[in-house]
Amino acid sequence: DEHHIDQVLVNLVNNAVKYAHGSFKITLR
């Protein structure tokens, strides 16, 4: 389900931005 997988990815990226203070690089693999 493309819409729901989009939700998962957005959540994981948002968490990386929100909780990883001082980390300006995020790698998706």
PDB file of all heavy atoms in Angstrom:
ATOM      1  N   ASP A   1       0.867  -1.175   0.000  1.00  0.00           N
ATOM      2  CA  ASP A   1       0.000   0.000   0.000  1.00  0.00           C
ATOM      3  C   ASP A   1       0.905   1.228   0.000  1.00  0.00           C
ATOM      4  O   ASP A   1       1.532   1.554   1.017  1.00  0.00           O
ATOM      5  CB  ASP A   1      -0.905  -0.023   1.227  1.00  0.00           C
ATOM      6  CG  ASP A   1      -1.965   1.065   1.179  1.00  0.00           C
ATOM      7  OD1 ASP A   1      -1.590   2.232   0.939  1.00  0.00           O
ATOM      8  OD2 ASP A   1      -3.152   0.765   1.409  1.00  0.00           O
ATOM      9  N   GLU A   2       0.984   1.927  -1.143  1.00  0.00           N
ATOM     10  CA  GLU A   2       1.924   3.030  -1.294  1.00  0.00           C
ATOM     11  C   GLU A   2       1.677   4.133  -0.264  1.00  0.00           C
ATOM     12  O   GLU A   2       2.617   4.699   0.292  1.00  0.00           O
ATOM     13  CB  GLU A   2       1.840   3.592  -2.718  1.00  0.00           C
ATOM     14  CG  GLU A   2       2.915   4.608  -3.033  1.00  0.00           C
ATOM     15  CD  GLU A   2       2.959   4.970  -4.510  1.00  0.00           C
ATOM     16  OE1 GLU A   2       2.186   4.355  -5.288  1.00  0.00           O
ATOM     17  OE2 GLU A   2       3.753   5.851  -4.881  1.00  0.00           O
ATOM     18  N   HIS A   3       0.427   4.434  -0.022  1.00  0.00           N
ATOM     19  CA  HIS A   3       0.096   5.509   0.916  1.00  0.00           C
ATOM     20  C   HIS A   3       0.592   5.168   2.325  1.00  0.00           C
ATOM     21  O   HIS A   3       1.182   6.009   3.010  1.00  0.00           O
ATOM     22  CB  HIS A   3      -1.413   5.746   0.937  1.00  0.00           C
ATOM     23  CG  HIS A   3      -1.861   6.649   2.033  1.00  0.00           C
ATOM     24  ND1 HIS A   3      -1.581   8.001   2.059  1.00  0.00           N
ATOM     25  CD2 HIS A   3      -2.567   6.388   3.184  1.00  0.00           C
ATOM     26  CE1 HIS A   3      -2.083   8.535   3.162  1.00  0.00           C
ATOM     27  NE2 HIS A   3      -2.687   7.575   3.850  1.00  0.00           N
ATOM     28  N   HIS A   4       0.368   3.934   2.754  1.00  0.00           N
ATOM     29  CA  HIS A   4       0.763   3.565   4.108  1.00  0.00           C
ATOM     30  C   HIS A   4       2.272   3.392   4.251  1.00  0.00           C
ATOM     31  O   HIS A   4       2.844   3.711   5.308  1.00  0.00           O
ATOM     32  CB  HIS A   4       0.039   2.280   4.533  1.00  0.00           C
ATOM     33  CG  HIS A   4      -1.399   2.502   4.873  1.00  0.00           C
ATOM     34  ND1 HIS A   4      -2.440   2.024   4.106  1.00  0.00           N
ATOM     35  CD2 HIS A   4      -1.977   3.169   5.898  1.00  0.00           C
ATOM     36  CE1 HIS A   4      -3.585   2.383   4.642  1.00  0.00           C
ATOM     37  NE2 HIS A   4      -3.342   3.084   5.732  1.00  0.00           N
ATOM     38  N   ILE A   5       2.939   2.894   3.219  1.00  0.00           N
ATOM     39  CA  ILE A   5       4.405   2.815   3.270  1.00  0.00           C
ATOM     40  C   ILE A   5       4.998   4.222   3.305  1.00  0.00           C
ATOM     41  O   ILE A   5       6.010   4.475   3.974  1.00  0.00           O
ATOM     42  CB  ILE A   5       4.953   2.011   2.076  1.00  0.00           C
ATOM     43  CG1 ILE A   5       4.458   0.566   2.148  1.00  0.00           C
ATOM     44  CG2 ILE A   5       6.472   2.043   2.055  1.00  0.00           C
ATOM     45  CD1 ILE A   5       4.864  -0.171   3.406  1.00  0.00           C
ATOM     46  N   ASP A   6       4.350   5.169   2.615  1.00  0.00           N
ATOM     47  CA  ASP A   6       4.759   6.575   2.691  1.00  0.00           C
ATOM     48  C   ASP A   6       4.674   7.055   4.150  1.00  0.00           C
ATOM     49  O   ASP A   6       5.563   7.766   4.634  1.00  0.00           O
ATOM     50  CB  ASP A   6       3.850   7.418   1.791  1.00  0.00           C
ATOM     51  CG  ASP A   6       4.198   8.899   1.839  1.00  0.00           C
ATOM     52  OD1 ASP A   6       3.697   9.601   2.757  1.00  0.00           O
ATOM     53  OD2 ASP A   6       4.975   9.349   0.980  1.00  0.00           O
ATOM     54  N   GLN A   7       3.617   6.665   4.862  1.00  0.00           N
ATOM     55  CA  GLN A   7       3.479   7.026   6.273  1.00  0.00           C
ATOM     56  C   GLN A   7       4.651   6.502   7.101  1.00  0.00           C
ATOM     57  O   GLN A   7       5.192   7.208   7.962  1.00  0.00           O
ATOM     58  CB  GLN A   7       2.184   6.441   6.860  1.00  0.00           C
ATOM     59  CG  GLN A   7       0.929   7.231   6.564  1.00  0.00           C
ATOM     60  CD  GLN A   7      -0.262   6.622   7.263  1.00  0.00           C
ATOM     61  OE1 GLN A   7      -0.943   5.747   6.727  1.00  0.00           O
ATOM     62  NE2 GLN A   7      -0.511   7.080   8.473  1.00  0.00           N
ATOM     63  N   VAL A   8       5.057   5.261   6.846  1.00  0.00           N
ATOM     64  CA  VAL A   8       6.161   4.661   7.595  1.00  0.00           C
ATOM     65  C   VAL A   8       7.449   5.442   7.349  1.00  0.00           C
ATOM     66  O   VAL A   8       8.170   5.803   8.281  1.00  0.00           O
ATOM     67  CB  VAL A   8       6.343   3.182   7.215  1.00  0.00           C
ATOM     68  CG1 VAL A   8       7.567   2.591   7.916  1.00  0.00           C
ATOM     69  CG2 VAL A   8       5.092   2.380   7.555  1.00  0.00           C
ATOM     70  N   LEU A   9       7.733   5.716   6.068  1.00  0.00           N
ATOM     71  CA  LEU A   9       8.966   6.438   5.728  1.00  0.00           C
ATOM     72  C   LEU A   9       8.978   7.843   6.324  1.00  0.00           C
ATOM     73  O   LEU A   9       9.977   8.286   6.896  1.00  0.00           O
ATOM     74  CB  LEU A   9       9.119   6.510   4.211  1.00  0.00           C
ATOM     75  CG  LEU A   9       9.589   5.220   3.532  1.00  0.00           C
ATOM     76  CD1 LEU A   9       9.408   5.320   2.026  1.00  0.00           C
ATOM     77  CD2 LEU A   9      11.056   4.963   3.867  1.00  0.00           C
ATOM     78  N   VAL A  10       7.863   8.556   6.200  1.00  0.00           N
ATOM     79  CA  VAL A  10       7.790   9.917   6.754  1.00  0.00           C
ATOM     80  C   VAL A  10       8.005   9.880   8.253  1.00  0.00           C
ATOM     81  O   VAL A  10       8.713  10.718   8.815  1.00  0.00           O
ATOM     82  CB  VAL A  10       6.427  10.561   6.403  1.00  0.00           C
ATOM     83  CG1 VAL A  10       6.222  11.846   7.210  1.00  0.00           C
ATOM     84  CG2 VAL A  10       6.343  10.856   4.913  1.00  0.00           C
ATOM     85  N   ASN A  11       7.430   8.900   8.916  1.00  0.00           N
ATOM     86  CA  ASN A  11       7.586   8.799  10.367  1.00  0.00           C
ATOM     87  C   ASN A  11       9.037   8.561  10.758  1.00  0.00           C
ATOM     88  O   ASN A  11       9.557   9.190  11.686  1.00  0.00           O
ATOM     89  CB  ASN A  11       6.698   7.679  10.915  1.00  0.00           C
ATOM     90  CG  ASN A  11       6.806   7.549  12.413  1.00  0.00           C
ATOM     91  OD1 ASN A  11       7.552   6.713  12.913  1.00  0.00           O
ATOM     92  ND2 ASN A  11       6.078   8.378  13.142  1.00  0.00           N
ATOM     93  N   LEU A  12       9.711   7.634  10.058  1.00  0.00           N
ATOM     94  CA  LEU A  12      11.101   7.336  10.389  1.00  0.00           C
ATOM     95  C   LEU A  12      12.018   8.521  10.113  1.00  0.00           C
ATOM     96  O   LEU A  12      12.921   8.823  10.897  1.00  0.00           O
ATOM     97  CB  LEU A  12      11.578   6.098   9.619  1.00  0.00           C
ATOM     98  CG  LEU A  12      10.851   4.781   9.922  1.00  0.00           C
ATOM     99  CD1 LEU A  12      11.504   3.624   9.170  1.00  0.00           C
ATOM    100  CD2 LEU A  12      10.820   4.492  11.413  1.00  0.00           C
ATOM    101  N   VAL A  13      11.783   9.214   9.001  1.00  0.00           N
ATOM    102  CA  VAL A  13      12.598  10.398   8.686  1.00  0.00           C
ATOM    103  C   VAL A  13      12.316  11.517   9.687  1.00  0.00           C
ATOM    104  O   VAL A  13      13.250  12.185  10.170  1.00  0.00           O
ATOM    105  CB  VAL A  13      12.316  10.871   7.238  1.00  0.00           C
ATOM    106  CG1 VAL A  13      13.011  12.211   6.975  1.00  0.00           C
ATOM    107  CG2 VAL A  13      12.806   9.827   6.231  1.00  0.00           C
ATOM    108  N   ASN A  14      11.055  11.741  10.014  1.00  0.00           N
ATOM    109  CA  ASN A  14      10.713  12.769  10.997  1.00  0.00           C
ATOM    110  C   ASN A  14      11.349  12.482  12.356  1.00  0.00           C
ATOM    111  O   ASN A  14      11.816  13.404  13.039  1.00  0.00           O
ATOM    112  CB  ASN A  14       9.198  12.880  11.149  1.00  0.00           C
ATOM    113  CG  ASN A  14       8.546  13.598   9.996  1.00  0.00           C
ATOM    114  OD1 ASN A  14       9.226  14.252   9.190  1.00  0.00           O
ATOM    115  ND2 ASN A  14       7.234  13.495   9.887  1.00  0.00           N
ATOM    116  N   ASN A  15      11.362  11.207  12.752  1.00  0.00           N
ATOM    117  CA  ASN A  15      12.000  10.864  14.019  1.00  0.00           C
ATOM    118  C   ASN A  15      13.499  11.135  13.985  1.00  0.00           C
ATOM    119  O   ASN A  15      14.089  11.586  14.973  1.00  0.00           O
ATOM    120  CB  ASN A  15      11.745   9.385  14.361  1.00  0.00           C
ATOM    121  CG  ASN A  15      10.369   9.149  14.926  1.00  0.00           C
ATOM    122  OD1 ASN A  15       9.653  10.091  15.259  1.00  0.00           O
ATOM    123  ND2 ASN A  15       9.970   7.892  15.032  1.00  0.00           N
ATOM    124  N   ALA A  16      14.132  10.841  12.833  1.00  0.00           N
ATOM    125  CA  ALA A  16      15.563  11.123  12.704  1.00  0.00           C
ATOM    126  C   ALA A  16      15.831  12.614  12.849  1.00  0.00           C
ATOM    127  O   ALA A  16      16.802  13.041  13.484  1.00  0.00           O
ATOM    128  CB  ALA A  16      16.071  10.595  11.370  1.00  0.00           C
ATOM    129  N   VAL A  17      14.954  13.432  12.266  1.00  0.00           N
ATOM    130  CA  VAL A  17      15.113  14.884  12.369  1.00  0.00           C
ATOM    131  C   VAL A  17      14.825  15.354  13.798  1.00  0.00           C
ATOM    132  O   VAL A  17      15.523  16.205  14.351  1.00  0.00           O
ATOM    133  CB  VAL A  17      14.169  15.597  11.373  1.00  0.00           C
ATOM    134  CG1 VAL A  17      14.187  17.108  11.592  1.00  0.00           C
ATOM    135  CG2 VAL A  17      14.563  15.267   9.935  1.00  0.00           C
ATOM    136  N   LYS A  18      13.796  14.782  14.388  1.00  0.00           N
ATOM    137  CA  LYS A  18      13.305  15.275  15.679  1.00  0.00           C
ATOM    138  C   LYS A  18      14.199  14.867  16.847  1.00  0.00           C
ATOM    139  O   LYS A  18      14.519  15.675  17.721  1.00  0.00           O
ATOM    140  CB  LYS A  18      11.893  14.719  15.904  1.00  0.00           C
ATOM    141  CG  LYS A  18      11.203  15.243  17.160  1.00  0.00           C
ATOM    142  CD  LYS A  18       9.907  14.485  17.426  1.00  0.00           C
ATOM    143  CE  LYS A  18       8.954  14.565  16.256  1.00  0.00           C
ATOM    144  NZ  LYS A  18       7.679  13.861  16.532  1.00  0.00           N
ATOM    145  N   TYR A  19      14.615  13.584  16.879  1.00  0.00           N
ATOM    146  CA  TYR A  19      15.305  13.080  18.051  1.00  0.00           C
ATOM    147  C   TYR A  19      16.824  13.036  17.913  1.00  0.00           C
ATOM    148  O   TYR A  19      17.518  12.968  18.923  1.00  0.00           O
ATOM    149  CB  TYR A  19      14.794  11.672  18.383  1.00  0.00           C
ATOM    150  CG  TYR A  19      13.345  11.665  18.829  1.00  0.00           C
ATOM    151  CD1 TYR A  19      12.343  11.207  17.980  1.00  0.00           C
ATOM    152  CD2 TYR A  19      12.990  12.146  20.083  1.00  0.00           C
ATOM    153  CE1 TYR A  19      11.017  11.206  18.378  1.00  0.00           C
ATOM    154  CE2 TYR A  19      11.659  12.149  20.482  1.00  0.00           C
ATOM    155  CZ  TYR A  19      10.676  11.683  19.625  1.00  0.00           C
ATOM    156  OH  TYR A  19       9.369  11.692  20.027  1.00  0.00           O
ATOM    157  N   ALA A  20      17.337  13.014  16.698  1.00  0.00           N
ATOM    158  CA  ALA A  20      18.793  12.953  16.515  1.00  0.00           C
ATOM    159  C   ALA A  20      19.362  14.363  16.496  1.00  0.00           C
ATOM    160  O   ALA A  20      19.762  14.890  15.454  1.00  0.00           O
ATOM    161  CB  ALA A  20      19.123  12.200  15.234  1.00  0.00           C
ATOM    162  N   HIS A  21      19.403  15.005  17.665  1.00  0.00           N
ATOM    163  CA  HIS A  21      19.855  16.382  17.761  1.00  0.00           C
ATOM    164  C   HIS A  21      21.311  16.491  17.294  1.00  0.00           C
ATOM    165  O   HIS A  21      22.169  15.721  17.698  1.00  0.00           O
ATOM    166  CB  HIS A  21      19.742  16.869  19.219  1.00  0.00           C
ATOM    167  CG  HIS A  21      18.422  16.563  19.841  1.00  0.00           C
ATOM    168  ND1 HIS A  21      17.246  17.057  19.340  1.00  0.00           N
ATOM    169  CD2 HIS A  21      18.088  15.784  20.909  1.00  0.00           C
ATOM    170  CE1 HIS A  21      16.243  16.621  20.088  1.00  0.00           C
ATOM    171  NE2 HIS A  21      16.729  15.843  21.046  1.00  0.00           N
ATOM    172  N   GLY A  22      21.571  17.473  16.455  1.00  0.00           N
ATOM    173  CA  GLY A  22      22.935  17.711  15.976  1.00  0.00           C
ATOM    174  C   GLY A  22      23.344  16.841  14.815  1.00  0.00           C
ATOM    175  O   GLY A  22      24.473  16.946  14.323  1.00  0.00           O
ATOM    176  N   SER A  23      22.447  15.940  14.355  1.00  0.00           N
ATOM    177  CA  SER A  23      22.769  15.103  13.205  1.00  0.00           C
ATOM    178  C   SER A  23      22.125  15.715  11.970  1.00  0.00           C
ATOM    179  O   SER A  23      20.910  15.660  11.791  1.00  0.00           O
ATOM    180  CB  SER A  23      22.231  13.672  13.433  1.00  0.00           C
ATOM    181  OG  SER A  23      22.389  12.902  12.256  1.00  0.00           O
ATOM    182  N   PHE A  24      22.953  16.319  11.100  1.00  0.00           N
ATOM    183  CA  PHE A  24      22.416  17.009   9.921  1.00  0.00           C
ATOM    184  C   PHE A  24      22.406  16.108   8.693  1.00  0.00           C
ATOM    185  O   PHE A  24      21.911  16.499   7.652  1.00  0.00           O
ATOM    186  CB  PHE A  24      23.223  18.278   9.657  1.00  0.00           C
ATOM    187  CG  PHE A  24      23.185  19.237  10.821  1.00  0.00           C
ATOM    188  CD1 PHE A  24      24.273  19.378  11.660  1.00  0.00           C
ATOM    189  CD2 PHE A  24      22.045  19.974  11.106  1.00  0.00           C
ATOM    190  CE1 PHE A  24      24.238  20.244  12.747  1.00  0.00           C
ATOM    191  CE2 PHE A  24      21.998  20.832  12.177  1.00  0.00           C
ATOM    192  CZ  PHE A  24      23.103  20.977  13.005  1.00  0.00           C
ATOM    193  N   LYS A  25      22.974  14.916   8.826  1.00  0.00           N
ATOM    194  CA  LYS A  25      22.978  13.987   7.697  1.00  0.00           C
ATOM    195  C   LYS A  25      22.113  12.780   8.037  1.00  0.00           C
ATOM    196  O   LYS A  25      22.255  12.175   9.095  1.00  0.00           O
ATOM    197  CB  LYS A  25      24.397  13.538   7.374  1.00  0.00           C
ATOM    198  CG  LYS A  25      24.472  12.644   6.125  1.00  0.00           C
ATOM    199  CD  LYS A  25      25.903  12.354   5.713  1.00  0.00           C
ATOM    200  CE  LYS A  25      26.546  11.360   6.655  1.00  0.00           C
ATOM    201  NZ  LYS A  25      27.857  10.896   6.164  1.00  0.00           N
ATOM    202  N   ILE A  26      21.203  12.447   7.146  1.00  0.00           N
ATOM    203  CA  ILE A  26      20.333  11.282   7.294  1.00  0.00           C
ATOM    204  C   ILE A  26      20.489  10.422   6.054  1.00  0.00           C
ATOM    205  O   ILE A  26      20.340  10.922   4.925  1.00  0.00           O
ATOM    206  CB  ILE A  26      18.864  11.697   7.473  1.00  0.00           C
ATOM    207  CG1 ILE A  26      18.701  12.543   8.742  1.00  0.00           C
ATOM    208  CG2 ILE A  26      17.959  10.469   7.528  1.00  0.00           C
ATOM    209  CD1 ILE A  26      17.324  13.140   8.897  1.00  0.00           C
ATOM    210  N   THR A  27      20.805   9.150   6.232  1.00  0.00           N
ATOM    211  CA  THR A  27      21.032   8.238   5.117  1.00  0.00           C
ATOM    212  C   THR A  27      19.870   7.265   4.988  1.00  0.00           C
ATOM    213  O   THR A  27      19.501   6.606   5.962  1.00  0.00           O
ATOM    214  CB  THR A  27      22.345   7.456   5.305  1.00  0.00           C
ATOM    215  OG1 THR A  27      23.430   8.376   5.395  1.00  0.00           O
ATOM    216  CG2 THR A  27      22.579   6.499   4.151  1.00  0.00           C
ATOM    217  N   LEU A  28      19.301   7.188   3.776  1.00  0.00           N
ATOM    218  CA  LEU A  28      18.268   6.204   3.486  1.00  0.00           C
ATOM    219  C   LEU A  28      18.869   5.155   2.560  1.00  0.00           C
ATOM    220  O   LEU A  28      19.505   5.503   1.551  1.00  0.00           O
ATOM    221  CB  LEU A  28      17.050   6.852   2.821  1.00  0.00           C
ATOM    222  CG  LEU A  28      16.219   7.770   3.738  1.00  0.00           C
ATOM    223  CD1 LEU A  28      16.709   9.207   3.608  1.00  0.00           C
ATOM    224  CD2 LEU A  28      14.743   7.672   3.418  1.00  0.00           C
ATOM    225  N   ARG A  29      18.671   3.893   2.907  1.00  0.00           N
ATOM    226  CA  ARG A  29      19.313   2.813   2.166  1.00  0.00           C
ATOM    227  C   ARG A  29      18.261   1.792   1.734  1.00  0.00           C
ATOM    228  O   ARG A  29      17.400   1.397   2.510  1.00  0.00           O
ATOM    229  CB  ARG A  29      20.383   2.160   3.037  1.00  0.00           C
ATOM    230  CG  ARG A  29      21.260   1.135   2.317  1.00  0.00           C
ATOM    231  CD  ARG A  29      22.402   0.658   3.217  1.00  0.00           C
ATOM    232  NE  ARG A  29      23.308   1.757   3.535  1.00  0.00           N
ATOM    233  CZ  ARG A  29      23.336   2.391   4.697  1.00  0.00           C
ATOM    234  NH1 ARG A  29      22.481   2.053   5.654  1.00  0.00           N
ATOM    235  NH2 ARG A  29      24.196   3.372   4.915  1.00  0.00           N
TER     236      ARG A  29
END
